[in-house]
Amino acid sequence: MPKLKTRKSAAKRYKITGNSNFLRRHAFKGHLLMKKSNRQKRRLSQRLCVNQNDIKSIKLMLPY
């Protein structure tokens, strides 16, 4: 059986934790930051866990 390939785009976006959860970044932090408040930008900088409905598809993209 051939080796499974990792989706490099997913590897750059998600990080696996010790409990097999995945961390992701918030959206809306890339541009147009002048109009956003400091509080909003600070909260968008934090990482958060991926929704349980998406974990199955992310595990397929990141086999190793």
PDB file of N, CA and C in Angstrom:
ATOM      1  N   MET A   1       0.840  -1.177   0.000  1.00  0.00           N
ATOM      2  CA  MET A   1       0.000   0.000   0.000  1.00  0.00           C
ATOM      3  C   MET A   1       0.886   1.242   0.000  1.00  0.00           C
ATOM      4  N   PRO A   2       0.580   2.221  -0.830  1.00  0.00           N
ATOM      5  CA  PRO A   2       1.443   3.411  -0.890  1.00  0.00           C
ATOM      6  C   PRO A   2       1.311   4.274   0.353  1.00  0.00           C
ATOM      7  N   LYS A   3       2.311   5.102   0.541  1.00  0.00           N
ATOM      8  CA  LYS A   3       2.293   6.014   1.686  1.00  0.00           C
ATOM      9  C   LYS A   3       1.211   7.070   1.496  1.00  0.00           C
ATOM     10  N   LEU A   4       0.653   7.529   2.597  1.00  0.00           N
ATOM     11  CA  LEU A   4      -0.344   8.590   2.546  1.00  0.00           C
ATOM     12  C   LEU A   4       0.363   9.936   2.543  1.00  0.00           C
ATOM     13  N   LYS A   5      -0.150  10.850   1.768  1.00  0.00           N
ATOM     14  CA  LYS A   5       0.446  12.181   1.702  1.00  0.00           C
ATOM     15  C   LYS A   5      -0.296  13.140   2.618  1.00  0.00           C
ATOM     16  N   THR A   6       0.463  14.022   3.233  1.00  0.00           N
ATOM     17  CA  THR A   6      -0.107  15.056   4.081  1.00  0.00           C
ATOM     18  C   THR A   6      -0.519  16.231   3.218  1.00  0.00           C
ATOM     19  N   ARG A   7      -1.697  16.778   3.471  1.00  0.00           N
ATOM     20  CA  ARG A   7      -2.101  18.012   2.791  1.00  0.00           C
ATOM     21  C   ARG A   7      -1.334  19.164   3.422  1.00  0.00           C
ATOM     22  N   LYS A   8      -0.426  19.762   2.679  1.00  0.00           N
ATOM     23  CA  LYS A   8       0.447  20.785   3.233  1.00  0.00           C
ATOM     24  C   LYS A   8      -0.315  22.029   3.640  1.00  0.00           C
ATOM     25  N   SER A   9      -1.405  22.339   2.953  1.00  0.00           N
ATOM     26  CA  SER A   9      -2.189  23.507   3.340  1.00  0.00           C
ATOM     27  C   SER A   9      -2.812  23.297   4.720  1.00  0.00           C
ATOM     28  N   ALA A  10      -3.246  22.075   5.012  1.00  0.00           N
ATOM     29  CA  ALA A  10      -3.815  21.788   6.330  1.00  0.00           C
ATOM     30  C   ALA A  10      -2.730  21.743   7.395  1.00  0.00           C
ATOM     31  N   ALA A  11      -1.548  21.277   7.044  1.00  0.00           N
ATOM     32  CA  ALA A  11      -0.457  21.208   8.018  1.00  0.00           C
ATOM     33  C   ALA A  11      -0.028  22.598   8.466  1.00  0.00           C
ATOM     34  N   LYS A  12      -0.169  23.579   7.597  1.00  0.00           N
ATOM     35  CA  LYS A  12       0.191  24.946   7.961  1.00  0.00           C
ATOM     36  C   LYS A  12      -0.889  25.617   8.808  1.00  0.00           C
ATOM     37  N   ARG A  13      -2.111  25.147   8.727  1.00  0.00           N
ATOM     38  CA  ARG A  13      -3.218  25.810   9.400  1.00  0.00           C
ATOM     39  C   ARG A  13      -3.573  25.208  10.750  1.00  0.00           C
ATOM     40  N   TYR A  14      -3.325  23.924  10.943  1.00  0.00           N
ATOM     41  CA  TYR A  14      -3.762  23.250  12.157  1.00  0.00           C
ATOM     42  C   TYR A  14      -2.574  22.677  12.911  1.00  0.00           C
ATOM     43  N   LYS A  15      -2.692  22.661  14.241  1.00  0.00           N
ATOM     44  CA  LYS A  15      -1.674  22.068  15.096  1.00  0.00           C
ATOM     45  C   LYS A  15      -2.377  21.094  16.021  1.00  0.00           C
ATOM     46  N   ILE A  16      -1.815  19.902  16.173  1.00  0.00           N
ATOM     47  CA  ILE A  16      -2.444  18.880  17.001  1.00  0.00           C
ATOM     48  C   ILE A  16      -1.961  19.032  18.438  1.00  0.00           C
ATOM     49  N   THR A  17      -2.870  18.820  19.384  1.00  0.00           N
ATOM     50  CA  THR A  17      -2.537  18.912  20.797  1.00  0.00           C
ATOM     51  C   THR A  17      -2.295  17.517  21.348  1.00  0.00           C
ATOM     52  N   GLY A  18      -1.963  17.447  22.609  1.00  0.00           N
ATOM     53  CA  GLY A  18      -1.710  16.161  23.234  1.00  0.00           C
ATOM     54  C   GLY A  18      -2.940  15.297  23.362  1.00  0.00           C
ATOM     55  N   ASN A  19      -4.122  15.904  23.404  1.00  0.00           N
ATOM     56  CA  ASN A  19      -5.370  15.159  23.537  1.00  0.00           C
ATOM     57  C   ASN A  19      -6.026  14.878  22.201  1.00  0.00           C
ATOM     58  N   SER A  20      -5.275  14.939  21.119  1.00  0.00           N
ATOM     59  CA  SER A  20      -5.760  14.695  19.752  1.00  0.00           C
ATOM     60  C   SER A  20      -6.785  15.719  19.309  1.00  0.00           C
ATOM     61  N   ASN A  21      -6.763  16.898  19.896  1.00  0.00           N
ATOM     62  CA  ASN A  21      -7.559  17.998  19.385  1.00  0.00           C
ATOM     63  C   ASN A  21      -6.711  18.802  18.416  1.00  0.00           C
ATOM     64  N   PHE A  22      -7.358  19.670  17.652  1.00  0.00           N
ATOM     65  CA  PHE A  22      -6.644  20.503  16.715  1.00  0.00           C
ATOM     66  C   PHE A  22      -6.868  21.961  17.072  1.00  0.00           C
ATOM     67  N   LEU A  23      -5.806  22.746  16.995  1.00  0.00           N
ATOM     68  CA  LEU A  23      -5.888  24.175  17.238  1.00  0.00           C
ATOM     69  C   LEU A  23      -5.908  24.902  15.912  1.00  0.00           C
ATOM     70  N   ARG A  24      -6.645  25.992  15.861  1.00  0.00           N
ATOM     71  CA  ARG A  24      -6.702  26.809  14.657  1.00  0.00           C
ATOM     72  C   ARG A  24      -6.664  28.271  15.056  1.00  0.00           C
ATOM     73  N   ARG A  25      -6.442  29.119  14.074  1.00  0.00           N
ATOM     74  CA  ARG A  25      -6.439  30.552  14.302  1.00  0.00           C
ATOM     75  C   ARG A  25      -7.820  31.124  13.985  1.00  0.00           C
ATOM     76  N   HIS A  26      -8.065  32.333  14.458  1.00  0.00           N
ATOM     77  CA  HIS A  26      -9.303  33.031  14.131  1.00  0.00           C
ATOM     78  C   HIS A  26      -9.206  33.617  12.724  1.00  0.00           C
ATOM     79  N   ALA A  27     -10.353  33.851  12.136  1.00  0.00           N
ATOM     80  CA  ALA A  27     -10.432  34.569  10.867  1.00  0.00           C
ATOM     81  C   ALA A  27     -10.460  36.068  11.135  1.00  0.00           C
ATOM     82  N   PHE A  28     -10.405  36.865  10.104  1.00  0.00           N
ATOM     83  CA  PHE A  28     -10.537  38.323  10.139  1.00  0.00           C
ATOM     84  C   PHE A  28      -9.363  39.018  10.827  1.00  0.00           C
ATOM     85  N   LYS A  29      -8.165  38.433  10.775  1.00  0.00           N
ATOM     86  CA  LYS A  29      -7.006  39.087  11.378  1.00  0.00           C
ATOM     87  C   LYS A  29      -5.966  39.415  10.308  1.00  0.00           C
ATOM     88  N   GLY A  30      -6.313  39.251   9.046  1.00  0.00           N
ATOM     89  CA  GLY A  30      -5.312  39.411   7.992  1.00  0.00           C
ATOM     90  C   GLY A  30      -5.114  40.831   7.511  1.00  0.00           C
ATOM     91  N   HIS A  31      -6.184  41.610   7.413  1.00  0.00           N
ATOM     92  CA  HIS A  31      -6.056  42.962   6.876  1.00  0.00           C
ATOM     93  C   HIS A  31      -7.209  43.800   7.401  1.00  0.00           C
ATOM     94  N   LEU A  32      -7.220  45.075   7.046  1.00  0.00           N
ATOM     95  CA  LEU A  32      -8.223  46.039   7.509  1.00  0.00           C
ATOM     96  C   LEU A  32      -8.244  46.106   9.040  1.00  0.00           C
ATOM     97  N   LEU A  33      -7.058  46.220   9.633  1.00  0.00           N
ATOM     98  CA  LEU A  33      -6.949  46.176  11.086  1.00  0.00           C
ATOM     99  C   LEU A  33      -7.105  47.547  11.730  1.00  0.00           C
ATOM    100  N   MET A  34      -7.079  48.620  10.947  1.00  0.00           N
ATOM    101  CA  MET A  34      -7.181  49.966  11.537  1.00  0.00           C
ATOM    102  C   MET A  34      -8.553  50.199  12.150  1.00  0.00           C
ATOM    103  N   LYS A  35      -9.576  49.656  11.550  1.00  0.00           N
ATOM    104  CA  LYS A  35     -10.934  49.913  12.036  1.00  0.00           C
ATOM    105  C   LYS A  35     -11.333  48.982  13.172  1.00  0.00           C
ATOM    106  N   LYS A  36     -10.546  47.943  13.444  1.00  0.00           N
ATOM    107  CA  LYS A  36     -10.871  47.014  14.512  1.00  0.00           C
ATOM    108  C   LYS A  36     -10.274  47.500  15.820  1.00  0.00           C
ATOM    109  N   SER A  37     -10.977  47.267  16.898  1.00  0.00           N
ATOM    110  CA  SER A  37     -10.503  47.714  18.204  1.00  0.00           C
ATOM    111  C   SER A  37      -9.352  46.825  18.669  1.00  0.00           C
ATOM    112  N   ASN A  38      -8.588  47.351  19.621  1.00  0.00           N
ATOM    113  CA  ASN A  38      -7.475  46.582  20.169  1.00  0.00           C
ATOM    114  C   ASN A  38      -7.974  45.313  20.852  1.00  0.00           C
ATOM    115  N   ARG A  39      -9.111  45.419  21.505  1.00  0.00           N
ATOM    116  CA  ARG A  39      -9.678  44.249  22.178  1.00  0.00           C
ATOM    117  C   ARG A  39     -10.040  43.165  21.170  1.00  0.00           C
ATOM    118  N   GLN A  40     -10.633  43.570  20.057  1.00  0.00           N
ATOM    119  CA  GLN A  40     -11.020  42.592  19.035  1.00  0.00           C
ATOM    120  C   GLN A  40      -9.785  41.940  18.421  1.00  0.00           C
ATOM    121  N   LYS A  41      -8.768  42.744  18.126  1.00  0.00           N
ATOM    122  CA  LYS A  41      -7.552  42.189  17.533  1.00  0.00           C
ATOM    123  C   LYS A  41      -6.837  41.250  18.495  1.00  0.00           C
ATOM    124  N   ARG A  42      -6.855  41.586  19.776  1.00  0.00           N
ATOM    125  CA  ARG A  42      -6.217  40.736  20.777  1.00  0.00           C
ATOM    126  C   ARG A  42      -6.940  39.400  20.893  1.00  0.00           C
ATOM    127  N   ARG A  43      -8.260  39.428  20.854  1.00  0.00           N
ATOM    128  CA  ARG A  43      -9.026  38.185  20.934  1.00  0.00           C
ATOM    129  C   ARG A  43      -8.882  37.344  19.665  1.00  0.00           C
ATOM    130  N   LEU A  44      -8.738  38.001  18.523  1.00  0.00           N
ATOM    131  CA  LEU A  44      -8.548  37.260  17.273  1.00  0.00           C
ATOM    132  C   LEU A  44      -7.170  36.608  17.203  1.00  0.00           C
ATOM    133  N   SER A  45      -6.232  37.058  18.002  1.00  0.00           N
ATOM    134  CA  SER A  45      -4.889  36.485  17.993  1.00  0.00           C
ATOM    135  C   SER A  45      -4.825  35.151  18.718  1.00  0.00           C
ATOM    136  N   GLN A  46      -5.784  34.876  19.585  1.00  0.00           N
ATOM    137  CA  GLN A  46      -5.756  33.651  20.366  1.00  0.00           C
ATOM    138  C   GLN A  46      -6.144  32.460  19.504  1.00  0.00           C
ATOM    139  N   ARG A  47      -5.599  31.322  19.867  1.00  0.00           N
ATOM    140  CA  ARG A  47      -5.957  30.091  19.177  1.00  0.00           C
ATOM    141  C   ARG A  47      -7.145  29.443  19.863  1.00  0.00           C
ATOM    142  N   LEU A  48      -7.883  28.615  19.120  1.00  0.00           N
ATOM    143  CA  LEU A  48      -8.998  27.907  19.705  1.00  0.00           C
ATOM    144  C   LEU A  48      -9.108  26.531  19.075  1.00  0.00           C
ATOM    145  N   CYS A  49      -9.839  25.649  19.723  1.00  0.00           N
ATOM    146  CA  CYS A  49      -9.991  24.278  19.246  1.00  0.00           C
ATOM    147  C   CYS A  49     -10.972  24.232  18.079  1.00  0.00           C
ATOM    148  N   VAL A  50     -10.719  23.288  17.210  1.00  0.00           N
ATOM    149  CA  VAL A  50     -11.572  23.080  16.042  1.00  0.00           C
ATOM    150  C   VAL A  50     -12.873  22.433  16.498  1.00  0.00           C
ATOM    151  N   ASN A  51     -13.938  22.720  15.802  1.00  0.00           N
ATOM    152  CA  ASN A  51     -15.240  22.136  16.093  1.00  0.00           C
ATOM    153  C   ASN A  51     -15.192  20.618  15.910  1.00  0.00           C
ATOM    154  N   GLN A  52     -15.958  19.901  16.734  1.00  0.00           N
ATOM    155  CA  GLN A  52     -15.967  18.439  16.678  1.00  0.00           C
ATOM    156  C   GLN A  52     -16.434  17.911  15.320  1.00  0.00           C
ATOM    157  N   ASN A  53     -17.256  18.671  14.611  1.00  0.00           N
ATOM    158  CA  ASN A  53     -17.745  18.215  13.312  1.00  0.00           C
ATOM    159  C   ASN A  53     -16.661  18.223  12.247  1.00  0.00           C
ATOM    160  N   ASP A  54     -15.582  18.981  12.449  1.00  0.00           N
ATOM    161  CA  ASP A  54     -14.535  19.101  11.444  1.00  0.00           C
ATOM    162  C   ASP A  54     -13.329  18.212  11.715  1.00  0.00           C
ATOM    163  N   ILE A  55     -13.275  17.583  12.877  1.00  0.00           N
ATOM    164  CA  ILE A  55     -12.073  16.834  13.251  1.00  0.00           C
ATOM    165  C   ILE A  55     -11.852  15.637  12.335  1.00  0.00           C
ATOM    166  N   LYS A  56     -12.914  14.974  11.916  1.00  0.00           N
ATOM    167  CA  LYS A  56     -12.766  13.780  11.080  1.00  0.00           C
ATOM    168  C   LYS A  56     -12.100  14.121   9.752  1.00  0.00           C
ATOM    169  N   SER A  57     -12.517  15.212   9.136  1.00  0.00           N
ATOM    170  CA  SER A  57     -11.929  15.575   7.848  1.00  0.00           C
ATOM    171  C   SER A  57     -10.497  16.074   8.009  1.00  0.00           C
ATOM    172  N   ILE A  58     -10.190  16.716   9.135  1.00  0.00           N
ATOM    173  CA  ILE A  58      -8.812  17.184   9.352  1.00  0.00           C
ATOM    174  C   ILE A  58      -7.885  16.008   9.591  1.00  0.00           C
ATOM    175  N   LYS A  59      -8.368  14.982  10.282  1.00  0.00           N
ATOM    176  CA  LYS A  59      -7.541  13.791  10.505  1.00  0.00           C
ATOM    177  C   LYS A  59      -7.219  13.090   9.193  1.00  0.00           C
ATOM    178  N   LEU A  60      -8.123  13.140   8.228  1.00  0.00           N
ATOM    179  CA  LEU A  60      -7.836  12.553   6.922  1.00  0.00           C
ATOM    180  C   LEU A  60      -6.769  13.357   6.182  1.00  0.00           C
ATOM    181  N   MET A  61      -6.758  14.676   6.388  1.00  0.00           N
ATOM    182  CA  MET A  61      -5.777  15.514   5.710  1.00  0.00           C
ATOM    183  C   MET A  61      -4.406  15.424   6.354  1.00  0.00           C
ATOM    184  N   LEU A  62      -4.362  15.096   7.655  1.00  0.00           N
ATOM    185  CA  LEU A  62      -3.102  15.007   8.392  1.00  0.00           C
ATOM    186  C   LEU A  62      -2.932  13.586   8.936  1.00  0.00           C
ATOM    187  N   PRO A  63      -2.515  12.637   8.111  1.00  0.00           N
ATOM    188  CA  PRO A  63      -2.469  11.257   8.569  1.00  0.00           C
ATOM    189  C   PRO A  63      -1.345  10.968   9.556  1.00  0.00           C
ATOM    190  N   TYR A  64      -0.295  11.796   9.595  1.00  0.00           N
ATOM    191  CA  TYR A  64       0.858  11.503  10.471  1.00  0.00           C
ATOM    192  C   TYR A  64       1.061  12.598  11.484  1.00  0.00           C
TER     193      TYR A  64
END
